[in-house]
Amino acid sequence: MAMGTPMQGSWTTGLFGCCEDCSSCCLTLWCPCVAFGRIAHTVDKGLTSRCGAGTLCCVLALFVGFHWIYTCVYRHKFRMNYNLPETPCCDCCVEYFCECCSLSQMYRELQNRGFDMSKGYNQNTERIGSAGMQMQPPTMQGSMIR
């Protein structure tokens, strides 16, 4: 579902739009730590390991129960990266009460912005960059004369 370049400052998909993309909905419902790892890796521009972020989220969920705080931090980073509004309420409330919907929304948003979530950040930026405008060397007007 390619939507071109979405406007900065607006979500391309709603919080409860899980059924817009059944594959991302199922991934965030049945394997939320995998989806979160992919989101965190992209939000941190490849600096965070997908496996590391997903594993930490899973450990926090299983042993502590406060994984929603960790995902809240990334929802905030996500919104700041794309200048998105904090809707329908604060990030912590969204993550606490609707974590699967929130992960699905962020996942779909990244897909709508051109990311292939099965690939890493670097592969996506190379793919998106090569599909975009090619850089041409500057042309010289005349020649240099001494």
N, C-alpha and C. Protein backbone atom coordinates (compact mmCIF):
# COMPACT_ATOMS: atom_id res chain seq x y z
N MET A 1 0.85 -1.17 0.00
CA MET A 1 0.00 0.00 0.00
C MET A 1 0.89 1.23 0.00
N ALA A 2 1.35 1.63 -1.14
CA ALA A 2 2.22 2.79 -1.24
C ALA A 2 1.37 4.03 -1.36
N MET A 3 1.63 4.98 -0.52
CA MET A 3 0.84 6.19 -0.53
C MET A 3 1.71 7.40 -0.88
N GLY A 4 2.90 7.18 -1.41
CA GLY A 4 3.77 8.30 -1.71
C GLY A 4 4.38 8.85 -0.45
N THR A 5 4.69 10.12 -0.48
CA THR A 5 5.28 10.75 0.68
C THR A 5 4.20 11.44 1.49
N PRO A 6 3.86 10.90 2.67
CA PRO A 6 2.83 11.52 3.49
C PRO A 6 3.28 12.88 4.01
N MET A 7 2.32 13.70 4.29
CA MET A 7 2.62 15.03 4.83
C MET A 7 3.19 14.88 6.24
N GLN A 8 4.17 15.72 6.55
CA GLN A 8 4.67 15.78 7.92
C GLN A 8 3.54 16.33 8.78
N GLY A 9 3.40 15.80 9.97
CA GLY A 9 2.42 16.33 10.91
C GLY A 9 1.07 15.64 10.88
N SER A 10 0.91 14.62 10.04
CA SER A 10 -0.37 13.91 10.05
C SER A 10 -0.13 12.41 9.89
N TRP A 11 -0.90 11.63 10.64
CA TRP A 11 -0.83 10.18 10.53
C TRP A 11 -1.51 9.76 9.23
N THR A 12 -1.00 8.72 8.58
CA THR A 12 -1.65 8.21 7.38
C THR A 12 -2.63 7.09 7.73
N THR A 13 -2.61 6.67 8.98
CA THR A 13 -3.46 5.57 9.41
C THR A 13 -3.90 5.81 10.85
N GLY A 14 -5.07 5.36 11.18
CA GLY A 14 -5.60 5.60 12.52
C GLY A 14 -5.16 4.57 13.54
N LEU A 15 -5.32 4.91 14.80
CA LEU A 15 -4.94 4.01 15.89
C LEU A 15 -5.72 2.70 15.83
N PHE A 16 -6.99 2.77 15.47
CA PHE A 16 -7.83 1.58 15.44
C PHE A 16 -8.06 1.08 14.02
N GLY A 17 -7.12 1.39 13.13
CA GLY A 17 -7.21 0.94 11.74
C GLY A 17 -6.49 -0.37 11.50
N CYS A 18 -6.50 -1.23 12.49
CA CYS A 18 -5.76 -2.51 12.42
C CYS A 18 -6.14 -3.33 11.20
N CYS A 19 -7.39 -3.29 10.79
CA CYS A 19 -7.85 -4.13 9.68
C CYS A 19 -7.46 -3.58 8.31
N GLU A 20 -6.82 -2.41 8.28
CA GLU A 20 -6.36 -1.86 7.00
C GLU A 20 -5.30 -2.77 6.38
N ASP A 21 -4.51 -3.44 7.22
CA ASP A 21 -3.46 -4.34 6.76
C ASP A 21 -3.44 -5.55 7.68
N CYS A 22 -4.05 -6.64 7.23
CA CYS A 22 -4.20 -7.82 8.09
C CYS A 22 -2.86 -8.43 8.48
N SER A 23 -1.86 -8.38 7.61
CA SER A 23 -0.58 -9.01 7.95
C SER A 23 0.12 -8.28 9.10
N SER A 24 0.11 -6.94 9.07
CA SER A 24 0.73 -6.21 10.18
C SER A 24 -0.10 -6.34 11.45
N CYS A 25 -1.41 -6.44 11.30
CA CYS A 25 -2.29 -6.64 12.46
C CYS A 25 -1.98 -7.97 13.13
N CYS A 26 -1.87 -9.02 12.34
CA CYS A 26 -1.57 -10.35 12.90
C CYS A 26 -0.18 -10.37 13.54
N LEU A 27 0.80 -9.72 12.89
CA LEU A 27 2.15 -9.70 13.45
C LEU A 27 2.16 -9.00 14.80
N THR A 28 1.51 -7.84 14.90
CA THR A 28 1.53 -7.11 16.17
C THR A 28 0.67 -7.77 17.23
N LEU A 29 -0.32 -8.54 16.82
CA LEU A 29 -1.16 -9.26 17.79
C LEU A 29 -0.47 -10.52 18.31
N TRP A 30 0.10 -11.32 17.42
CA TRP A 30 0.66 -12.61 17.81
C TRP A 30 2.17 -12.56 18.12
N CYS A 31 2.87 -11.61 17.54
CA CYS A 31 4.33 -11.48 17.77
C CYS A 31 4.70 -10.01 18.00
N PRO A 32 4.14 -9.39 19.04
CA PRO A 32 4.36 -7.95 19.23
C PRO A 32 5.84 -7.59 19.44
N CYS A 33 6.62 -8.49 20.01
CA CYS A 33 8.04 -8.19 20.25
C CYS A 33 8.81 -8.13 18.94
N VAL A 34 8.43 -8.96 17.96
CA VAL A 34 9.07 -8.91 16.64
C VAL A 34 8.71 -7.58 15.96
N ALA A 35 7.44 -7.23 15.99
CA ALA A 35 7.01 -5.96 15.39
C ALA A 35 7.69 -4.79 16.07
N PHE A 36 7.76 -4.82 17.40
CA PHE A 36 8.40 -3.72 18.13
C PHE A 36 9.88 -3.62 17.77
N GLY A 37 10.57 -4.76 17.67
CA GLY A 37 11.98 -4.74 17.31
C GLY A 37 12.21 -4.08 15.96
N ARG A 38 11.35 -4.38 15.00
CA ARG A 38 11.46 -3.76 13.67
C ARG A 38 11.20 -2.26 13.74
N ILE A 39 10.21 -1.87 14.52
CA ILE A 39 9.88 -0.44 14.67
C ILE A 39 11.03 0.29 15.34
N ALA A 40 11.53 -0.25 16.45
CA ALA A 40 12.62 0.40 17.19
C ALA A 40 13.87 0.54 16.33
N HIS A 41 14.18 -0.49 15.56
CA HIS A 41 15.34 -0.45 14.68
C HIS A 41 15.22 0.69 13.66
N THR A 42 14.03 0.87 13.12
CA THR A 42 13.79 1.92 12.13
C THR A 42 13.77 3.29 12.78
N VAL A 43 13.12 3.41 13.93
CA VAL A 43 13.04 4.70 14.64
C VAL A 43 14.43 5.18 15.04
N ASP A 44 15.28 4.25 15.47
CA ASP A 44 16.65 4.60 15.87
C ASP A 44 17.61 4.63 14.69
N LYS A 45 17.08 4.62 13.48
CA LYS A 45 17.88 4.71 12.26
C LYS A 45 18.99 3.66 12.19
N GLY A 46 18.65 2.44 12.60
CA GLY A 46 19.56 1.31 12.49
C GLY A 46 20.52 1.14 13.65
N LEU A 47 20.49 2.03 14.62
CA LEU A 47 21.43 1.94 15.75
C LEU A 47 21.03 0.89 16.78
N THR A 48 19.76 0.56 16.84
CA THR A 48 19.26 -0.44 17.77
C THR A 48 19.02 -1.74 17.01
N SER A 49 19.47 -2.84 17.57
CA SER A 49 19.27 -4.15 16.97
C SER A 49 17.80 -4.53 17.03
N ARG A 50 17.27 -5.05 15.93
CA ARG A 50 15.88 -5.50 15.93
C ARG A 50 15.68 -6.60 16.98
N CYS A 51 16.62 -7.55 16.99
CA CYS A 51 16.53 -8.66 17.92
C CYS A 51 16.68 -8.19 19.37
N GLY A 52 17.61 -7.27 19.60
CA GLY A 52 17.84 -6.76 20.96
C GLY A 52 16.64 -6.02 21.51
N ALA A 53 16.06 -5.13 20.69
CA ALA A 53 14.89 -4.36 21.14
C ALA A 53 13.69 -5.27 21.37
N GLY A 54 13.49 -6.22 20.45
CA GLY A 54 12.37 -7.15 20.60
C GLY A 54 12.53 -8.05 21.81
N THR A 55 13.75 -8.52 22.05
CA THR A 55 14.01 -9.39 23.20
C THR A 55 13.81 -8.63 24.51
N LEU A 56 14.32 -7.41 24.58
CA LEU A 56 14.13 -6.61 25.79
C LEU A 56 12.65 -6.35 26.06
N CYS A 57 11.91 -6.06 25.02
CA CYS A 57 10.46 -5.85 25.16
C CYS A 57 9.79 -7.13 25.69
N CYS A 58 10.20 -8.27 25.15
CA CYS A 58 9.64 -9.56 25.58
C CYS A 58 9.98 -9.85 27.04
N VAL A 59 11.23 -9.62 27.43
CA VAL A 59 11.65 -9.86 28.81
C VAL A 59 10.90 -8.95 29.77
N LEU A 60 10.77 -7.68 29.39
CA LEU A 60 10.02 -6.75 30.24
C LEU A 60 8.56 -7.17 30.37
N ALA A 61 7.99 -7.67 29.29
CA ALA A 61 6.59 -8.11 29.32
C ALA A 61 6.41 -9.35 30.18
N LEU A 62 7.30 -10.32 30.04
CA LEU A 62 7.15 -11.59 30.75
C LEU A 62 7.50 -11.52 32.23
N PHE A 63 8.55 -10.77 32.56
CA PHE A 63 9.05 -10.81 33.94
C PHE A 63 8.71 -9.59 34.78
N VAL A 64 8.48 -8.46 34.15
CA VAL A 64 8.25 -7.24 34.91
C VAL A 64 6.84 -6.69 34.69
N GLY A 65 6.35 -6.79 33.46
CA GLY A 65 5.02 -6.28 33.15
C GLY A 65 4.99 -4.80 32.80
N PHE A 66 6.15 -4.18 32.69
CA PHE A 66 6.21 -2.75 32.37
C PHE A 66 6.78 -2.49 30.99
N HIS A 67 6.56 -3.41 30.07
CA HIS A 67 7.06 -3.23 28.71
C HIS A 67 6.41 -2.03 28.02
N TRP A 68 5.22 -1.66 28.44
CA TRP A 68 4.52 -0.54 27.83
C TRP A 68 5.27 0.77 28.04
N ILE A 69 6.07 0.87 29.09
CA ILE A 69 6.89 2.08 29.30
C ILE A 69 7.97 2.15 28.23
N TYR A 70 8.58 1.01 27.94
CA TYR A 70 9.61 0.93 26.91
C TYR A 70 9.02 1.28 25.53
N THR A 71 7.85 0.73 25.22
CA THR A 71 7.23 1.02 23.93
C THR A 71 6.74 2.47 23.87
N CYS A 72 6.37 3.02 25.02
CA CYS A 72 5.95 4.43 25.08
C CYS A 72 7.10 5.35 24.67
N VAL A 73 8.30 5.05 25.13
CA VAL A 73 9.48 5.86 24.77
C VAL A 73 9.65 5.86 23.26
N TYR A 74 9.48 4.71 22.63
CA TYR A 74 9.64 4.63 21.18
C TYR A 74 8.49 5.27 20.42
N ARG A 75 7.29 5.23 20.98
CA ARG A 75 6.18 5.93 20.30
C ARG A 75 6.47 7.43 20.30
N HIS A 76 6.99 7.93 21.41
CA HIS A 76 7.34 9.35 21.49
C HIS A 76 8.44 9.69 20.46
N LYS A 77 9.49 8.88 20.40
CA LYS A 77 10.56 9.09 19.41
C LYS A 77 9.99 9.05 17.99
N PHE A 78 9.12 8.09 17.74
CA PHE A 78 8.49 7.93 16.43
C PHE A 78 7.75 9.20 16.04
N ARG A 79 6.93 9.70 16.96
CA ARG A 79 6.16 10.92 16.67
C ARG A 79 7.07 12.11 16.42
N MET A 80 8.16 12.21 17.20
CA MET A 80 9.09 13.33 17.02
C MET A 80 9.80 13.24 15.66
N ASN A 81 10.17 12.03 15.25
CA ASN A 81 10.84 11.85 13.96
C ASN A 81 9.98 12.32 12.79
N TYR A 82 8.68 12.10 12.89
CA TYR A 82 7.78 12.43 11.79
C TYR A 82 6.85 13.60 12.10
N ASN A 83 7.10 14.29 13.20
CA ASN A 83 6.31 15.46 13.57
C ASN A 83 4.81 15.13 13.60
N LEU A 84 4.46 14.04 14.29
CA LEU A 84 3.08 13.58 14.34
C LEU A 84 2.42 14.01 15.64
N PRO A 85 1.12 14.26 15.61
CA PRO A 85 0.42 14.68 16.82
C PRO A 85 0.25 13.53 17.82
N GLU A 86 0.15 13.89 19.06
CA GLU A 86 -0.05 12.94 20.15
C GLU A 86 -1.55 12.70 20.30
N THR A 87 -2.09 11.82 19.45
CA THR A 87 -3.53 11.56 19.46
C THR A 87 -3.79 10.08 19.63
N PRO A 88 -4.87 9.64 20.17
CA PRO A 88 -5.98 10.39 20.71
C PRO A 88 -5.74 10.90 22.14
N CYS A 89 -4.65 10.42 22.77
CA CYS A 89 -4.28 10.88 24.10
C CYS A 89 -2.76 10.74 24.24
N CYS A 90 -2.24 10.92 25.44
CA CYS A 90 -0.78 10.88 25.62
C CYS A 90 -0.23 9.49 25.27
N ASP A 91 1.03 9.47 24.88
CA ASP A 91 1.68 8.24 24.43
C ASP A 91 1.61 7.12 25.45
N CYS A 92 1.83 7.45 26.72
CA CYS A 92 1.83 6.41 27.76
C CYS A 92 0.45 5.77 27.89
N CYS A 93 -0.59 6.56 27.79
CA CYS A 93 -1.95 5.99 27.87
C CYS A 93 -2.24 5.11 26.66
N VAL A 94 -1.83 5.57 25.48
CA VAL A 94 -2.03 4.77 24.27
C VAL A 94 -1.33 3.43 24.40
N GLU A 95 -0.07 3.46 24.87
CA GLU A 95 0.69 2.21 25.00
C GLU A 95 0.14 1.32 26.11
N TYR A 96 -0.31 1.88 27.19
CA TYR A 96 -0.82 1.08 28.30
C TYR A 96 -2.14 0.40 27.94
N PHE A 97 -3.06 1.17 27.34
CA PHE A 97 -4.39 0.64 27.08
C PHE A 97 -4.55 -0.02 25.71
N CYS A 98 -3.75 0.40 24.74
CA CYS A 98 -3.94 -0.07 23.36
C CYS A 98 -2.61 -0.41 22.70
N GLU A 99 -1.75 -1.15 23.38
CA GLU A 99 -0.40 -1.38 22.86
C GLU A 99 -0.39 -2.06 21.50
N CYS A 100 -1.19 -3.10 21.31
CA CYS A 100 -1.21 -3.78 20.01
C CYS A 100 -1.68 -2.85 18.90
N CYS A 101 -2.69 -2.04 19.19
CA CYS A 101 -3.17 -1.08 18.19
C CYS A 101 -2.10 -0.03 17.89
N SER A 102 -1.39 0.40 18.91
CA SER A 102 -0.33 1.39 18.72
C SER A 102 0.81 0.83 17.88
N LEU A 103 1.25 -0.40 18.20
CA LEU A 103 2.32 -1.02 17.41
C LEU A 103 1.89 -1.21 15.96
N SER A 104 0.65 -1.64 15.78
CA SER A 104 0.13 -1.83 14.43
C SER A 104 0.07 -0.50 13.67
N GLN A 105 -0.33 0.56 14.35
CA GLN A 105 -0.39 1.89 13.72
C GLN A 105 1.00 2.35 13.30
N MET A 106 1.99 2.22 14.19
CA MET A 106 3.35 2.65 13.84
C MET A 106 3.91 1.80 12.71
N TYR A 107 3.65 0.51 12.74
CA TYR A 107 4.11 -0.41 11.70
C TYR A 107 3.54 -0.01 10.34
N ARG A 108 2.21 0.22 10.30
CA ARG A 108 1.55 0.63 9.05
C ARG A 108 2.05 1.99 8.59
N GLU A 109 2.28 2.89 9.55
CA GLU A 109 2.76 4.24 9.20
C GLU A 109 4.11 4.16 8.50
N LEU A 110 5.01 3.33 9.02
CA LEU A 110 6.31 3.17 8.39
C LEU A 110 6.17 2.54 7.00
N GLN A 111 5.28 1.57 6.86
CA GLN A 111 5.04 0.97 5.54
C GLN A 111 4.50 2.03 4.57
N ASN A 112 3.57 2.85 5.05
CA ASN A 112 3.00 3.90 4.20
C ASN A 112 4.04 4.95 3.80
N ARG A 113 5.08 5.07 4.59
CA ARG A 113 6.16 6.01 4.28
C ARG A 113 7.26 5.37 3.45
N GLY A 114 7.01 4.16 2.97
CA GLY A 114 7.92 3.53 2.02
C GLY A 114 8.86 2.49 2.59
N PHE A 115 8.78 2.18 3.87
CA PHE A 115 9.68 1.20 4.47
C PHE A 115 9.15 -0.21 4.25
N ASP A 116 10.06 -1.13 3.90
CA ASP A 116 9.75 -2.55 3.87
C ASP A 116 10.20 -3.07 5.23
N MET A 117 9.26 -3.34 6.10
CA MET A 117 9.58 -3.64 7.49
C MET A 117 10.29 -4.97 7.68
N SER A 118 10.32 -5.82 6.66
CA SER A 118 11.05 -7.08 6.79
C SER A 118 12.55 -6.87 6.57
N LYS A 119 12.92 -5.71 6.06
CA LYS A 119 14.32 -5.39 5.83
C LYS A 119 14.82 -4.44 6.91
N GLY A 120 16.10 -4.33 7.03
CA GLY A 120 16.69 -3.43 8.01
C GLY A 120 16.66 -1.98 7.55
N TYR A 121 16.99 -1.09 8.45
CA TYR A 121 16.96 0.34 8.16
C TYR A 121 17.89 0.69 7.00
N ASN A 122 19.12 0.17 7.03
CA ASN A 122 20.08 0.51 5.98
C ASN A 122 19.63 0.03 4.61
N GLN A 123 19.07 -1.17 4.53
CA GLN A 123 18.55 -1.67 3.25
C GLN A 123 17.41 -0.79 2.76
N ASN A 124 16.58 -0.32 3.67
CA ASN A 124 15.47 0.54 3.28
C ASN A 124 15.96 1.89 2.77
N THR A 125 16.92 2.49 3.46
CA THR A 125 17.40 3.80 3.02
C THR A 125 18.11 3.69 1.68
N GLU A 126 18.84 2.58 1.45
CA GLU A 126 19.48 2.39 0.15
C GLU A 126 18.42 2.22 -0.94
N ARG A 127 17.40 1.42 -0.65
CA ARG A 127 16.33 1.18 -1.63
C ARG A 127 15.55 2.45 -1.93
N ILE A 128 15.18 3.17 -0.88
CA ILE A 128 14.42 4.40 -1.06
C ILE A 128 15.27 5.46 -1.75
N GLY A 129 16.55 5.54 -1.36
CA GLY A 129 17.45 6.51 -1.97
C GLY A 129 17.68 6.22 -3.44
N SER A 130 17.82 4.95 -3.83
CA SER A 130 18.07 4.61 -5.23
C SER A 130 16.81 4.80 -6.07
N ALA A 131 15.64 4.70 -5.46
CA ALA A 131 14.40 4.90 -6.19
C ALA A 131 14.10 6.39 -6.37
N GLY A 132 14.71 7.20 -5.51
CA GLY A 132 14.48 8.64 -5.58
C GLY A 132 15.33 9.29 -6.66
N MET A 133 15.51 10.56 -6.54
CA MET A 133 16.26 11.31 -7.53
C MET A 133 17.74 10.95 -7.46
N GLN A 134 18.34 10.66 -8.60
CA GLN A 134 19.76 10.35 -8.66
C GLN A 134 20.55 11.65 -8.60
N MET A 135 21.62 11.62 -7.82
CA MET A 135 22.49 12.79 -7.72
C MET A 135 23.35 12.89 -8.97
N GLN A 136 23.37 14.02 -9.60
CA GLN A 136 24.19 14.26 -10.78
C GLN A 136 25.31 15.20 -10.40
N PRO A 137 26.51 14.99 -10.97
CA PRO A 137 27.59 15.93 -10.68
C PRO A 137 27.25 17.29 -11.27
N PRO A 138 27.73 18.36 -10.64
CA PRO A 138 27.42 19.69 -11.16
C PRO A 138 28.08 19.88 -12.53
N THR A 139 27.39 20.59 -13.39
CA THR A 139 27.96 20.89 -14.70
C THR A 139 28.74 22.18 -14.62
N MET A 140 29.83 22.24 -15.34
CA MET A 140 30.68 23.42 -15.33
C MET A 140 30.28 24.33 -16.48
N GLN A 141 30.17 25.59 -16.18
CA GLN A 141 29.88 26.59 -17.20
C GLN A 141 31.21 27.07 -17.77
N GLY A 142 31.55 26.65 -18.95
CA GLY A 142 32.82 27.06 -19.55
C GLY A 142 33.96 26.33 -18.86
N SER A 143 35.14 26.86 -18.97
CA SER A 143 36.29 26.26 -18.32
C SER A 143 37.02 27.32 -17.52
N MET A 144 37.86 26.86 -16.64
CA MET A 144 38.62 27.80 -15.82
C MET A 144 39.77 28.37 -16.65
N ILE A 145 39.93 29.66 -16.65
CA ILE A 145 40.98 30.34 -17.39
C ILE A 145 41.82 31.14 -16.41
N ARG A 146 43.15 31.04 -16.58
CA ARG A 146 44.04 31.83 -15.73
C ARG A 146 44.42 33.08 -16.41
